[in-house]
Protein backbone atom coordinates (compact mmCIF):
# COMPACT_ATOMS: atom_id res chain seq x y z
CA UNK A 1 40.61 79.03 156.83
CA UNK A 2 37.69 78.11 158.89
CA UNK A 3 36.49 79.71 162.10
CA UNK A 4 38.64 78.60 164.77
CA UNK A 5 36.86 75.43 166.94
CA UNK A 6 35.20 76.68 170.43
CA UNK A 7 36.04 74.99 173.11
CA UNK A 8 32.53 73.53 173.80
CA UNK A 9 33.48 71.93 170.24
CA UNK A 10 36.57 70.82 171.81
CA UNK A 11 35.66 69.54 175.25
CA UNK A 12 32.68 67.86 173.46
CA UNK A 13 34.53 66.42 170.97
CA UNK A 14 37.33 65.38 174.10
CA UNK A 15 35.50 63.99 176.09
CA UNK A 16 32.93 62.11 173.82
CA UNK A 17 36.59 60.41 172.24
CA UNK A 18 37.99 59.01 176.21
CA UNK A 19 34.66 57.74 176.94
CA UNK A 20 33.57 55.91 173.51
CA UNK A 21 37.03 54.71 174.07
CA UNK A 22 36.72 54.01 177.51
CA UNK A 23 33.35 52.10 177.28
CA UNK A 24 34.16 49.07 173.72
CA UNK A 25 37.52 48.88 175.91
CA UNK A 26 36.02 47.97 178.63
CA UNK A 27 33.16 45.97 176.71
CA UNK A 28 35.23 44.10 174.58
CA UNK A 29 37.46 43.21 177.92
CA UNK A 30 34.55 42.61 180.33
CA UNK A 31 33.32 40.53 176.94
CA UNK A 32 36.29 37.79 177.88
CA UNK A 33 34.00 36.48 180.21
CA UNK A 34 30.45 36.80 179.53
CA UNK A 35 28.81 38.36 181.70
CA UNK A 36 25.56 40.87 182.10
CA UNK A 37 28.43 43.68 182.59
CA UNK A 38 29.31 43.78 178.77
CA UNK A 39 26.13 44.36 178.20
CA UNK A 40 25.69 47.31 179.99
CA UNK A 41 29.68 48.77 179.45
CA UNK A 42 28.26 48.32 174.96
CA UNK A 43 24.80 49.98 176.39
CA UNK A 44 27.40 52.82 177.68
CA UNK A 45 28.84 53.07 174.68
CA UNK A 46 26.23 54.64 172.60
CA UNK A 47 25.53 58.16 174.80
CA UNK A 48 29.41 59.52 174.19
CA UNK A 49 28.35 58.27 170.19
CA UNK A 50 25.36 60.38 170.14
CA UNK A 51 27.41 63.46 171.54
CA UNK A 52 30.27 63.14 168.97
CA UNK A 53 27.26 62.96 166.06
CA UNK A 54 25.73 66.45 167.79
CA UNK A 55 29.31 67.52 168.38
CA UNK A 56 30.06 67.20 164.75
CA UNK A 57 26.33 68.17 163.45
CA UNK A 58 26.83 71.63 165.36
CA UNK A 59 30.57 72.05 163.45
CA UNK A 60 29.52 71.64 160.81
CA UNK A 61 25.80 74.30 160.69
CA UNK A 62 28.01 76.83 161.86
CA UNK A 63 30.52 76.23 159.76
CA UNK A 64 33.37 75.27 162.12
CA UNK A 65 34.94 71.98 160.18
CA UNK A 66 33.77 71.43 156.13
CA UNK A 67 34.99 73.16 152.72
CA UNK A 68 36.30 76.40 152.39
CA UNK A 69 34.53 78.78 150.63
CA UNK A 70 35.25 80.69 148.61
CA UNK A 71 36.82 84.96 149.27
CA UNK A 72 34.64 87.12 148.42
CA UNK A 73 35.79 91.06 147.39
CA UNK A 74 33.74 92.36 150.53
CA UNK A 75 35.29 89.38 152.59
CA UNK A 76 39.00 91.11 151.55
């Protein structure tokens, strides 16, 4: 099994997913009545998307996600 996820990775995932959900919902609701606020809410989605991409790249780089490695005799 891979090493446990650090609290920073977990917090980053939670914050980015909540942020993406909220800004996407706001953009959709504000797009019903076309206004500049719909575009602003849509643009606010981008930092949260970048944040989740960076968190997942960090997780993959440090072996927190991905395929399990084969156990060697030295690992036992």
